[in-house]
Amino acid sequence: MKLKICGMKYQENIAEVATLQPDYLGFIFYKKSSRYFNGTIPELPENIKKVGVFVNASEKDILEKVAQHDLDLIQLHGEELPEYCTKLRSNLGDRSREKKHIKIIKVFSIKDQFNFDELTPFEPVCDYFLFDTKGQLPGGNGYTFNWDVLQAYPSTKPYFLSGGIGLEEIENINKFMQGEASQFCHALDVNSKFESEPGLKDYQKLKEFKNQITSGDLTAQ
């Protein structure tokens, strides 16, 4: 099970958390967020992918951030349409410095139900889906949604599971990973439950969590 740690903000904390070797680190480029990132990302190991998180941003802004920070993935957390994703995907391919495939994650918010037909037009224009908790904020609301909703997941596209995941969710994660809904769960996405303040991650809690999800106790179908 891969791990994404999102909402990184402080340079020393980023460097410390990177020693845990998560698969992804997320940086939020949404100015209204308390985890807004406006610094310099320290040099990271090549195996850690940098994810830029955007909310209804212009293509120009995204392309500038990709060039500035050499991002590997773009996470769209707003009301972006499939047509927007198509154009962005084309522009990302044209402007990538290394001509690498910069992947797109499209976020969908869930509470107790979800119309999976919403995914259909996004299937050909993004690489991953991300399912987060519907709340007052675009993300980082700090509580989980009803994961049973994903039992009806109709796609084969890999997805990130997000929304209020913390150490207290280990038992529920274990149960989820034993079910069919986890078949295409690519990674767990954690954020606010591992913070001492917005953007400042608790290294020891993250270490404990990562040890548990990589120990073999959590096994996808």
Protein backbone atom coordinates (compact mmCIF):
# COMPACT_ATOMS: atom_id res chain seq x y z
CA MET A 1 0.00 0.00 0.00
CA LYS A 2 1.50 3.32 -1.06
CA LEU A 3 1.45 6.38 1.18
CA LYS A 4 0.87 10.04 0.33
CA ILE A 5 1.52 12.69 2.96
CA CYS A 6 -0.20 15.89 1.94
CA GLY A 7 -0.21 19.49 3.14
CA MET A 8 3.56 19.83 3.61
CA LYS A 9 4.56 23.41 4.38
CA TYR A 10 7.82 23.87 6.30
CA GLN A 11 11.19 23.10 4.75
CA GLU A 12 12.83 21.38 7.74
CA ASN A 13 9.69 19.36 8.39
CA ILE A 14 9.57 18.33 4.71
CA ALA A 15 13.16 17.11 4.88
CA GLU A 16 12.47 15.20 8.10
CA VAL A 17 9.29 13.55 6.82
CA ALA A 18 11.09 12.63 3.58
CA THR A 19 13.38 10.33 5.58
CA LEU A 20 10.32 8.12 6.12
CA GLN A 21 10.34 7.47 2.37
CA PRO A 22 6.65 8.06 1.62
CA ASP A 23 5.70 7.45 -1.98
CA TYR A 24 4.22 10.93 -2.42
CA LEU A 25 4.50 14.32 -0.72
CA GLY A 26 1.72 16.83 -1.41
CA PHE A 27 2.11 20.61 -1.60
CA ILE A 28 -1.01 22.79 -1.56
CA PHE A 29 -0.95 25.76 -3.95
CA TYR A 30 -4.33 27.13 -2.86
CA LYS A 31 -3.91 30.50 -1.16
CA LYS A 32 -6.99 30.14 1.04
CA SER A 33 -5.62 27.00 2.65
CA SER A 34 -3.87 27.15 6.03
CA ARG A 35 -1.38 24.73 4.47
CA TYR A 36 -0.65 26.96 1.47
CA PHE A 37 2.88 26.30 0.24
CA ASN A 38 4.89 29.31 -0.87
CA GLY A 39 8.45 28.18 -0.29
CA THR A 40 11.15 26.08 -1.87
CA ILE A 41 10.87 22.30 -1.84
CA PRO A 42 14.14 20.83 -0.56
CA GLU A 43 15.85 18.20 -2.69
CA LEU A 44 14.02 14.91 -2.27
CA PRO A 45 14.95 11.31 -3.10
CA GLU A 46 13.92 10.43 -6.66
CA ASN A 47 11.48 7.79 -5.46
CA ILE A 48 9.36 10.40 -3.63
CA LYS A 49 6.93 11.96 -6.08
CA LYS A 50 5.93 15.60 -5.64
CA VAL A 51 2.21 16.32 -5.93
CA GLY A 52 0.93 19.85 -6.51
CA VAL A 53 -2.59 20.40 -5.16
CA PHE A 54 -4.73 23.02 -6.92
CA VAL A 55 -8.30 24.27 -6.50
CA ASN A 56 -9.88 25.82 -9.61
CA ALA A 57 -6.50 27.20 -10.64
CA SER A 58 -5.66 28.60 -14.06
CA GLU A 59 -3.62 26.45 -16.41
CA LYS A 60 -0.98 29.18 -16.40
CA ASP A 61 -0.62 28.96 -12.63
CA ILE A 62 -0.33 25.17 -12.71
CA LEU A 63 2.24 25.18 -15.49
CA GLU A 64 4.31 27.78 -13.64
CA LYS A 65 4.29 25.70 -10.46
CA VAL A 66 5.21 22.55 -12.41
CA ALA A 67 8.24 24.32 -13.87
CA GLN A 68 9.22 25.97 -10.59
CA HIS A 69 9.02 22.84 -8.42
CA ASP A 70 9.45 20.07 -11.01
CA LEU A 71 6.17 18.47 -9.94
CA ASP A 72 5.38 14.87 -10.83
CA LEU A 73 1.62 14.88 -10.34
CA ILE A 74 -1.17 17.46 -10.38
CA GLN A 75 -4.09 17.03 -7.99
CA LEU A 76 -7.24 18.88 -9.01
CA HIS A 77 -9.36 19.52 -5.93
CA GLY A 78 -11.91 21.94 -7.35
CA GLU A 79 -14.72 21.93 -9.89
CA GLU A 80 -12.50 21.32 -12.91
CA LEU A 81 -14.33 19.91 -15.94
CA PRO A 82 -13.16 17.05 -18.18
CA GLU A 83 -12.43 19.57 -20.95
CA TYR A 84 -10.12 21.45 -18.61
CA CYS A 85 -8.30 18.21 -17.75
CA THR A 86 -7.90 17.37 -21.44
CA LYS A 87 -6.30 20.73 -22.24
CA LEU A 88 -4.14 20.67 -19.12
CA ARG A 89 -2.94 17.16 -19.89
CA SER A 90 -1.89 18.28 -23.38
CA ASN A 91 -0.09 21.36 -22.09
CA LEU A 92 1.67 19.40 -19.35
CA GLY A 93 2.97 16.99 -21.96
CA ASP A 94 4.23 19.83 -24.16
CA ARG A 95 5.96 21.78 -21.39
CA SER A 96 7.44 19.14 -19.13
CA ARG A 97 11.16 19.83 -18.84
CA GLU A 98 12.09 16.17 -18.95
CA LYS A 99 9.23 15.16 -21.24
CA LYS A 100 8.05 12.91 -18.42
CA HIS A 101 4.39 12.06 -18.10
CA ILE A 102 3.04 14.36 -15.39
CA LYS A 103 0.05 12.53 -14.00
CA ILE A 104 -3.30 14.03 -13.06
CA ILE A 105 -5.33 13.14 -9.97
CA LYS A 106 -8.97 14.24 -9.98
CA VAL A 107 -10.62 14.58 -6.59
CA PHE A 108 -14.23 13.70 -5.78
CA SER A 109 -15.86 14.38 -2.41
CA ILE A 110 -18.06 11.83 -0.69
CA LYS A 111 -20.10 11.69 2.49
CA ASP A 112 -22.71 8.92 2.67
CA GLN A 113 -23.41 8.44 -1.03
CA PHE A 114 -21.95 9.18 -4.44
CA ASN A 115 -23.07 9.04 -8.05
CA PHE A 116 -20.26 7.12 -9.76
CA ASP A 117 -21.54 8.23 -13.16
CA GLU A 118 -19.65 11.45 -12.42
CA LEU A 119 -16.40 9.56 -13.00
CA THR A 120 -17.17 8.48 -16.56
CA PRO A 121 -16.11 11.65 -18.47
CA PHE A 122 -12.89 11.83 -16.44
CA GLU A 123 -11.80 8.27 -17.18
CA PRO A 124 -9.75 9.11 -20.30
CA VAL A 125 -8.32 12.43 -19.06
CA CYS A 126 -6.82 11.64 -15.68
CA ASP A 127 -4.52 8.97 -14.26
CA TYR A 128 -5.98 8.57 -10.79
CA PHE A 129 -9.10 9.41 -8.85
CA LEU A 130 -8.97 10.57 -5.23
CA PHE A 131 -11.91 10.16 -2.89
CA ASP A 132 -12.05 12.64 -0.01
CA THR A 133 -14.58 13.63 2.63
CA LYS A 134 -17.17 16.20 1.63
CA GLY A 135 -16.96 19.12 4.04
CA GLN A 136 -16.75 22.88 4.38
CA LEU A 137 -13.20 22.97 3.04
CA PRO A 138 -11.90 21.55 -0.27
CA GLY A 139 -9.76 19.19 1.82
CA GLY A 140 -8.24 18.65 5.25
CA ASN A 141 -11.59 18.50 7.04
CA GLY A 142 -10.26 15.90 9.45
CA TYR A 143 -12.90 13.18 9.32
CA THR A 144 -13.60 10.12 7.20
CA PHE A 145 -16.47 9.43 4.84
CA ASN A 146 -18.41 6.17 4.64
CA TRP A 147 -15.95 3.87 2.86
CA ASP A 148 -18.74 1.35 2.23
CA VAL A 149 -19.80 3.64 -0.62
CA LEU A 150 -16.74 2.42 -2.54
CA GLN A 151 -18.16 -1.10 -2.64
CA ALA A 152 -19.99 0.14 -5.74
CA TYR A 153 -16.83 1.49 -7.41
CA PRO A 154 -17.36 0.66 -11.11
CA SER A 155 -13.93 1.54 -12.50
CA THR A 156 -10.53 -0.11 -12.80
CA LYS A 157 -8.71 3.20 -12.47
CA PRO A 158 -6.47 3.29 -9.37
CA TYR A 159 -7.52 5.72 -6.67
CA PHE A 160 -6.22 7.44 -3.54
CA LEU A 161 -8.24 7.05 -0.34
CA SER A 162 -8.27 10.29 1.66
CA GLY A 163 -10.18 12.13 4.35
CA GLY A 164 -9.46 12.08 8.08
CA ILE A 165 -7.19 9.03 8.07
CA GLY A 166 -5.16 8.71 11.27
CA LEU A 167 -3.67 6.12 13.60
CA GLU A 168 -7.11 5.45 15.07
CA GLU A 169 -8.28 4.28 11.64
CA ILE A 170 -5.82 1.36 11.38
CA GLU A 171 -8.45 -1.24 12.28
CA ASN A 172 -10.93 0.23 9.78
CA ILE A 173 -8.23 0.41 7.10
CA ASN A 174 -7.40 -3.24 7.72
CA LYS A 175 -11.06 -4.18 7.35
CA PHE A 176 -11.37 -2.07 4.20
CA MET A 177 -8.28 -3.65 2.64
CA GLN A 178 -9.80 -7.09 3.02
CA GLY A 179 -12.80 -6.15 0.90
CA GLU A 180 -13.31 -5.92 -2.84
CA ALA A 181 -13.55 -2.12 -2.73
CA SER A 182 -9.83 -1.95 -2.01
CA GLN A 183 -8.86 -3.78 -5.20
CA PHE A 184 -7.98 -0.55 -7.00
CA CYS A 185 -6.92 1.48 -3.96
CA HIS A 186 -3.50 2.74 -5.00
CA ALA A 187 -2.53 4.75 -1.91
CA LEU A 188 -3.63 6.15 1.41
CA ASP A 189 -3.56 9.94 1.62
CA VAL A 190 -2.99 11.44 5.09
CA ASN A 191 -2.87 15.02 6.28
CA SER A 192 -4.53 16.77 9.23
CA LYS A 193 -4.60 13.82 11.66
CA PHE A 194 -0.80 13.88 11.76
CA GLU A 195 -0.30 17.57 12.51
CA SER A 196 0.65 19.59 15.56
CA GLU A 197 -0.50 22.66 13.59
CA PRO A 198 -1.64 23.15 9.97
CA GLY A 199 1.20 22.06 7.70
CA LEU A 200 3.51 20.86 10.50
CA LYS A 201 3.58 17.07 10.51
CA ASP A 202 4.28 14.88 13.55
CA TYR A 203 7.20 12.69 12.50
CA GLN A 204 6.72 10.02 15.17
CA LYS A 205 3.02 9.54 14.43
CA LEU A 206 3.74 9.27 10.72
CA LYS A 207 6.53 6.78 11.38
CA GLU A 208 4.20 4.62 13.46
CA PHE A 209 1.49 4.78 10.81
CA LYS A 210 3.85 3.94 7.96
CA ASN A 211 5.29 1.01 9.91
CA GLN A 212 1.81 -0.39 10.41
CA ILE A 213 0.70 -0.06 6.80
CA THR A 214 3.93 -1.57 5.44
CA SER A 215 4.28 -4.35 8.00
CA GLY A 216 2.12 -6.74 6.04
CA ASP A 217 -0.89 -6.33 8.31
CA LEU A 218 -2.71 -4.38 5.62
CA THR A 219 -3.00 -6.42 2.47
CA ALA A 220 -5.05 -5.46 -0.57
CA GLN A 221 -7.05 -8.09 -2.43
